[in-house]
Amino acid sequence: MPANDAYVAVIFTSVRTEHHQGEYAIWASRMDELVREQPGYIEHASARDPLTRFGITVAYFADDASAAAWKQLAEHVEAQRLGREMFYSEYSVRVATVYRSYEFMAPT
């Protein structure tokens, strides 16, 4: 992560439906691959609770223009459509500017 420069976090929270598990896995894998190729991409992380099906993905971009370009990418637009129609019972997207960040790693 950039140490002193502000960057953008796109925070996607969702609740998965119980349907289309196989197709969802294919699309999720493709989006994971595709986001890494985007100009301005820094990193991302995802987690999902298997019991509640609640999940969160946070993707970090160098700037707002890079985050906006990711939202408009044709294959990602198709994934968004499928998400609304089949994969999610609800979701939200929040875009934030990160001004500071801190990290800790336990010694090994």
N, C-alpha and C. Protein backbone atom coordinates (compact mmCIF):
# COMPACT_ATOMS: atom_id res chain seq x y z
N MET A 1 0.83 -1.17 0.00
CA MET A 1 0.00 0.00 0.00
C MET A 1 0.88 1.24 0.00
N PRO A 2 0.41 2.27 -0.63
CA PRO A 2 1.19 3.52 -0.60
C PRO A 2 1.31 4.03 0.83
N ALA A 3 2.52 4.38 1.23
CA ALA A 3 2.74 4.79 2.61
C ALA A 3 2.23 6.20 2.89
N ASN A 4 2.48 7.14 2.00
CA ASN A 4 2.15 8.53 2.30
C ASN A 4 1.13 9.14 1.36
N ASP A 5 0.80 8.48 0.30
CA ASP A 5 -0.15 9.02 -0.67
C ASP A 5 -1.55 8.48 -0.40
N ALA A 6 -2.55 9.31 -0.59
CA ALA A 6 -3.94 8.86 -0.46
C ALA A 6 -4.25 7.91 -1.60
N TYR A 7 -5.14 6.97 -1.35
CA TYR A 7 -5.59 6.03 -2.37
C TYR A 7 -7.06 5.72 -2.11
N VAL A 8 -7.67 4.97 -3.00
CA VAL A 8 -9.12 4.75 -2.96
C VAL A 8 -9.43 3.31 -2.59
N ALA A 9 -10.40 3.14 -1.70
CA ALA A 9 -10.89 1.82 -1.33
C ALA A 9 -12.32 1.67 -1.83
N VAL A 10 -12.58 0.62 -2.57
CA VAL A 10 -13.93 0.28 -3.01
C VAL A 10 -14.36 -0.89 -2.13
N ILE A 11 -15.38 -0.66 -1.30
CA ILE A 11 -15.82 -1.63 -0.31
C ILE A 11 -17.16 -2.20 -0.76
N PHE A 12 -17.14 -3.49 -1.09
CA PHE A 12 -18.33 -4.18 -1.61
C PHE A 12 -18.77 -5.20 -0.57
N THR A 13 -19.96 -4.99 0.01
CA THR A 13 -20.54 -5.97 0.93
C THR A 13 -21.75 -6.59 0.26
N SER A 14 -21.98 -7.87 0.54
CA SER A 14 -23.07 -8.56 -0.14
C SER A 14 -23.56 -9.74 0.68
N VAL A 15 -24.76 -10.18 0.33
CA VAL A 15 -25.30 -11.43 0.84
C VAL A 15 -25.61 -12.29 -0.38
N ARG A 16 -24.97 -13.45 -0.45
CA ARG A 16 -25.14 -14.35 -1.58
C ARG A 16 -26.47 -15.09 -1.48
N THR A 17 -27.05 -15.38 -2.64
CA THR A 17 -28.20 -16.27 -2.68
C THR A 17 -27.68 -17.70 -2.55
N GLU A 18 -28.59 -18.64 -2.41
CA GLU A 18 -28.20 -20.05 -2.35
C GLU A 18 -28.13 -20.65 -3.75
N HIS A 19 -28.43 -19.88 -4.76
CA HIS A 19 -28.54 -20.39 -6.13
C HIS A 19 -27.27 -20.13 -6.93
N HIS A 20 -27.10 -20.88 -8.01
CA HIS A 20 -26.05 -20.64 -9.01
C HIS A 20 -24.64 -20.67 -8.43
N GLN A 21 -24.38 -21.58 -7.50
CA GLN A 21 -23.08 -21.63 -6.83
C GLN A 21 -21.93 -21.83 -7.82
N GLY A 22 -22.09 -22.76 -8.75
CA GLY A 22 -21.02 -23.04 -9.71
C GLY A 22 -20.74 -21.86 -10.62
N GLU A 23 -21.79 -21.26 -11.14
CA GLU A 23 -21.61 -20.11 -12.02
C GLU A 23 -21.02 -18.93 -11.26
N TYR A 24 -21.45 -18.74 -10.03
CA TYR A 24 -20.89 -17.67 -9.20
C TYR A 24 -19.38 -17.86 -9.02
N ALA A 25 -18.98 -19.08 -8.72
CA ALA A 25 -17.55 -19.36 -8.50
C ALA A 25 -16.73 -19.02 -9.74
N ILE A 26 -17.25 -19.31 -10.91
CA ILE A 26 -16.55 -18.99 -12.15
C ILE A 26 -16.40 -17.48 -12.30
N TRP A 27 -17.49 -16.76 -12.10
CA TRP A 27 -17.45 -15.29 -12.24
C TRP A 27 -16.58 -14.65 -11.17
N ALA A 28 -16.66 -15.14 -9.94
CA ALA A 28 -15.85 -14.58 -8.86
C ALA A 28 -14.37 -14.76 -9.17
N SER A 29 -14.01 -15.92 -9.66
CA SER A 29 -12.63 -16.18 -10.02
C SER A 29 -12.17 -15.27 -11.15
N ARG A 30 -13.03 -15.07 -12.12
CA ARG A 30 -12.67 -14.20 -13.24
C ARG A 30 -12.52 -12.75 -12.79
N MET A 31 -13.40 -12.26 -11.91
CA MET A 31 -13.29 -10.89 -11.42
C MET A 31 -12.01 -10.74 -10.59
N ASP A 32 -11.66 -11.75 -9.81
CA ASP A 32 -10.43 -11.73 -9.04
C ASP A 32 -9.22 -11.58 -9.97
N GLU A 33 -9.23 -12.29 -11.06
CA GLU A 33 -8.16 -12.22 -12.06
C GLU A 33 -8.16 -10.87 -12.79
N LEU A 34 -9.34 -10.44 -13.20
CA LEU A 34 -9.47 -9.23 -14.01
C LEU A 34 -9.10 -7.95 -13.25
N VAL A 35 -9.49 -7.85 -11.99
CA VAL A 35 -9.20 -6.63 -11.23
C VAL A 35 -7.69 -6.42 -11.10
N ARG A 36 -6.95 -7.52 -10.99
CA ARG A 36 -5.49 -7.43 -10.86
C ARG A 36 -4.83 -6.81 -12.10
N GLU A 37 -5.51 -6.88 -13.23
CA GLU A 37 -4.96 -6.36 -14.49
C GLU A 37 -5.27 -4.89 -14.72
N GLN A 38 -6.09 -4.30 -13.85
CA GLN A 38 -6.56 -2.94 -14.08
C GLN A 38 -5.51 -1.89 -13.75
N PRO A 39 -5.36 -0.88 -14.61
CA PRO A 39 -4.44 0.22 -14.30
C PRO A 39 -4.86 0.88 -12.98
N GLY A 40 -3.89 1.14 -12.13
CA GLY A 40 -4.16 1.78 -10.84
C GLY A 40 -4.51 0.82 -9.73
N TYR A 41 -4.67 -0.47 -10.05
CA TYR A 41 -4.97 -1.48 -9.03
C TYR A 41 -3.80 -1.61 -8.08
N ILE A 42 -4.11 -1.70 -6.77
CA ILE A 42 -3.07 -1.90 -5.75
C ILE A 42 -3.16 -3.31 -5.18
N GLU A 43 -4.31 -3.63 -4.59
CA GLU A 43 -4.55 -4.97 -4.04
C GLU A 43 -6.01 -5.10 -3.65
N HIS A 44 -6.42 -6.32 -3.31
CA HIS A 44 -7.78 -6.52 -2.80
C HIS A 44 -7.80 -7.73 -1.88
N ALA A 45 -8.86 -7.80 -1.07
CA ALA A 45 -9.06 -8.91 -0.14
C ALA A 45 -10.55 -9.18 -0.03
N SER A 46 -10.90 -10.46 0.17
CA SER A 46 -12.30 -10.86 0.29
C SER A 46 -12.47 -11.88 1.41
N ALA A 47 -13.66 -11.88 2.01
CA ALA A 47 -14.03 -12.89 3.00
C ALA A 47 -15.54 -13.08 2.94
N ARG A 48 -16.00 -14.31 3.23
CA ARG A 48 -17.44 -14.58 3.25
C ARG A 48 -17.73 -15.57 4.38
N ASP A 49 -18.79 -15.28 5.14
CA ASP A 49 -19.25 -16.18 6.19
C ASP A 49 -20.13 -17.25 5.55
N PRO A 50 -19.77 -18.52 5.65
CA PRO A 50 -20.56 -19.56 4.99
C PRO A 50 -21.96 -19.75 5.59
N LEU A 51 -22.15 -19.38 6.83
CA LEU A 51 -23.47 -19.55 7.46
C LEU A 51 -24.46 -18.46 7.06
N THR A 52 -24.03 -17.21 7.14
CA THR A 52 -24.92 -16.10 6.82
C THR A 52 -24.85 -15.70 5.35
N ARG A 53 -23.81 -16.16 4.66
CA ARG A 53 -23.53 -15.83 3.26
C ARG A 53 -23.17 -14.35 3.08
N PHE A 54 -22.92 -13.63 4.20
CA PHE A 54 -22.47 -12.24 4.12
C PHE A 54 -21.00 -12.23 3.73
N GLY A 55 -20.65 -11.34 2.79
CA GLY A 55 -19.27 -11.23 2.36
C GLY A 55 -18.84 -9.79 2.20
N ILE A 56 -17.53 -9.60 2.19
CA ILE A 56 -16.96 -8.29 1.97
C ILE A 56 -15.73 -8.43 1.08
N THR A 57 -15.63 -7.54 0.13
CA THR A 57 -14.45 -7.42 -0.70
C THR A 57 -14.04 -5.96 -0.68
N VAL A 58 -12.76 -5.72 -0.43
CA VAL A 58 -12.23 -4.37 -0.48
C VAL A 58 -11.13 -4.36 -1.53
N ALA A 59 -11.30 -3.51 -2.54
CA ALA A 59 -10.29 -3.36 -3.58
C ALA A 59 -9.70 -1.96 -3.47
N TYR A 60 -8.39 -1.87 -3.57
CA TYR A 60 -7.68 -0.60 -3.44
C TYR A 60 -7.13 -0.18 -4.79
N PHE A 61 -7.33 1.09 -5.10
CA PHE A 61 -6.86 1.67 -6.36
C PHE A 61 -6.06 2.93 -6.07
N ALA A 62 -5.18 3.27 -6.99
CA ALA A 62 -4.31 4.44 -6.83
C ALA A 62 -5.10 5.74 -6.76
N ASP A 63 -6.24 5.80 -7.45
CA ASP A 63 -7.01 7.04 -7.49
C ASP A 63 -8.46 6.75 -7.88
N ASP A 64 -9.29 7.77 -7.78
CA ASP A 64 -10.71 7.63 -8.07
C ASP A 64 -10.96 7.26 -9.53
N ALA A 65 -10.17 7.80 -10.44
CA ALA A 65 -10.35 7.49 -11.86
C ALA A 65 -10.13 6.00 -12.12
N SER A 66 -9.15 5.40 -11.47
CA SER A 66 -8.88 3.96 -11.63
C SER A 66 -10.04 3.13 -11.08
N ALA A 67 -10.58 3.53 -9.93
CA ALA A 67 -11.72 2.82 -9.35
C ALA A 67 -12.95 2.95 -10.24
N ALA A 68 -13.18 4.14 -10.79
CA ALA A 68 -14.32 4.36 -11.69
C ALA A 68 -14.17 3.56 -12.97
N ALA A 69 -12.96 3.45 -13.49
CA ALA A 69 -12.72 2.67 -14.71
C ALA A 69 -13.02 1.20 -14.47
N TRP A 70 -12.67 0.69 -13.29
CA TRP A 70 -12.97 -0.70 -12.94
C TRP A 70 -14.48 -0.93 -12.95
N LYS A 71 -15.24 -0.02 -12.40
CA LYS A 71 -16.70 -0.15 -12.35
C LYS A 71 -17.29 -0.23 -13.75
N GLN A 72 -16.70 0.46 -14.72
CA GLN A 72 -17.25 0.55 -16.08
C GLN A 72 -16.70 -0.50 -17.03
N LEU A 73 -15.74 -1.31 -16.62
CA LEU A 73 -15.16 -2.33 -17.48
C LEU A 73 -16.25 -3.31 -17.93
N ALA A 74 -16.33 -3.57 -19.23
CA ALA A 74 -17.45 -4.33 -19.81
C ALA A 74 -17.71 -5.66 -19.12
N GLU A 75 -16.69 -6.45 -18.89
CA GLU A 75 -16.88 -7.75 -18.25
C GLU A 75 -17.33 -7.60 -16.80
N HIS A 76 -16.87 -6.55 -16.15
CA HIS A 76 -17.30 -6.28 -14.78
C HIS A 76 -18.76 -5.80 -14.77
N VAL A 77 -19.16 -5.03 -15.76
CA VAL A 77 -20.56 -4.59 -15.88
C VAL A 77 -21.47 -5.81 -16.02
N GLU A 78 -21.05 -6.79 -16.80
CA GLU A 78 -21.83 -8.03 -16.96
C GLU A 78 -21.91 -8.78 -15.62
N ALA A 79 -20.82 -8.85 -14.89
CA ALA A 79 -20.83 -9.49 -13.58
C ALA A 79 -21.78 -8.76 -12.62
N GLN A 80 -21.82 -7.44 -12.70
CA GLN A 80 -22.74 -6.66 -11.87
C GLN A 80 -24.19 -7.01 -12.20
N ARG A 81 -24.48 -7.13 -13.48
CA ARG A 81 -25.85 -7.49 -13.90
C ARG A 81 -26.23 -8.86 -13.35
N LEU A 82 -25.33 -9.84 -13.50
CA LEU A 82 -25.59 -11.18 -12.99
C LEU A 82 -25.73 -11.19 -11.48
N GLY A 83 -24.96 -10.34 -10.81
CA GLY A 83 -25.08 -10.23 -9.37
C GLY A 83 -26.47 -9.80 -8.95
N ARG A 84 -27.00 -8.79 -9.63
CA ARG A 84 -28.36 -8.31 -9.32
C ARG A 84 -29.41 -9.35 -9.66
N GLU A 85 -29.22 -10.07 -10.76
CA GLU A 85 -30.23 -11.02 -11.23
C GLU A 85 -30.17 -12.38 -10.54
N MET A 86 -28.96 -12.83 -10.15
CA MET A 86 -28.83 -14.22 -9.69
C MET A 86 -28.03 -14.42 -8.41
N PHE A 87 -26.94 -13.69 -8.23
CA PHE A 87 -25.97 -14.07 -7.22
C PHE A 87 -26.19 -13.46 -5.84
N TYR A 88 -26.80 -12.28 -5.76
CA TYR A 88 -26.92 -11.57 -4.48
C TYR A 88 -28.37 -11.27 -4.13
N SER A 89 -28.69 -11.42 -2.85
CA SER A 89 -30.00 -10.97 -2.38
C SER A 89 -29.92 -9.50 -1.96
N GLU A 90 -28.71 -9.04 -1.67
CA GLU A 90 -28.49 -7.62 -1.39
C GLU A 90 -27.00 -7.33 -1.48
N TYR A 91 -26.68 -6.07 -1.74
CA TYR A 91 -25.28 -5.64 -1.72
C TYR A 91 -25.22 -4.13 -1.56
N SER A 92 -24.04 -3.66 -1.18
CA SER A 92 -23.78 -2.22 -1.15
C SER A 92 -22.34 -1.99 -1.57
N VAL A 93 -22.12 -0.82 -2.14
CA VAL A 93 -20.78 -0.40 -2.55
C VAL A 93 -20.51 0.95 -1.91
N ARG A 94 -19.35 1.04 -1.31
CA ARG A 94 -18.91 2.31 -0.73
C ARG A 94 -17.52 2.59 -1.27
N VAL A 95 -17.30 3.83 -1.66
CA VAL A 95 -16.00 4.25 -2.18
C VAL A 95 -15.45 5.30 -1.22
N ALA A 96 -14.23 5.07 -0.76
CA ALA A 96 -13.64 5.96 0.24
C ALA A 96 -12.19 6.27 -0.11
N THR A 97 -11.75 7.42 0.32
CA THR A 97 -10.35 7.78 0.18
C THR A 97 -9.63 7.43 1.47
N VAL A 98 -8.53 6.73 1.35
CA VAL A 98 -7.72 6.35 2.50
C VAL A 98 -6.57 7.35 2.59
N TYR A 99 -6.49 8.02 3.71
CA TYR A 99 -5.44 9.00 3.92
C TYR A 99 -4.28 8.45 4.73
N ARG A 100 -4.58 7.50 5.59
CA ARG A 100 -3.56 6.86 6.41
C ARG A 100 -3.90 5.39 6.53
N SER A 101 -2.87 4.57 6.68
CA SER A 101 -3.08 3.15 6.97
C SER A 101 -1.95 2.66 7.85
N TYR A 102 -2.24 1.62 8.61
CA TYR A 102 -1.27 1.05 9.54
C TYR A 102 -1.29 -0.45 9.35
N GLU A 103 -0.17 -1.08 9.59
CA GLU A 103 -0.08 -2.53 9.46
C GLU A 103 0.71 -3.12 10.62
N PHE A 104 0.44 -4.35 10.93
CA PHE A 104 1.18 -5.11 11.93
C PHE A 104 1.36 -6.52 11.41
N MET A 105 2.53 -7.06 11.56
CA MET A 105 2.79 -8.46 11.24
C MET A 105 3.56 -9.06 12.41
N ALA A 106 3.01 -10.11 12.97
CA ALA A 106 3.69 -10.78 14.09
C ALA A 106 4.99 -11.40 13.60
N PRO A 107 5.99 -11.38 14.43
CA PRO A 107 7.26 -12.01 14.04
C PRO A 107 7.07 -13.51 13.82
N THR A 108 7.81 -14.05 12.89
CA THR A 108 7.70 -15.50 12.64
C THR A 108 8.86 -16.24 13.25
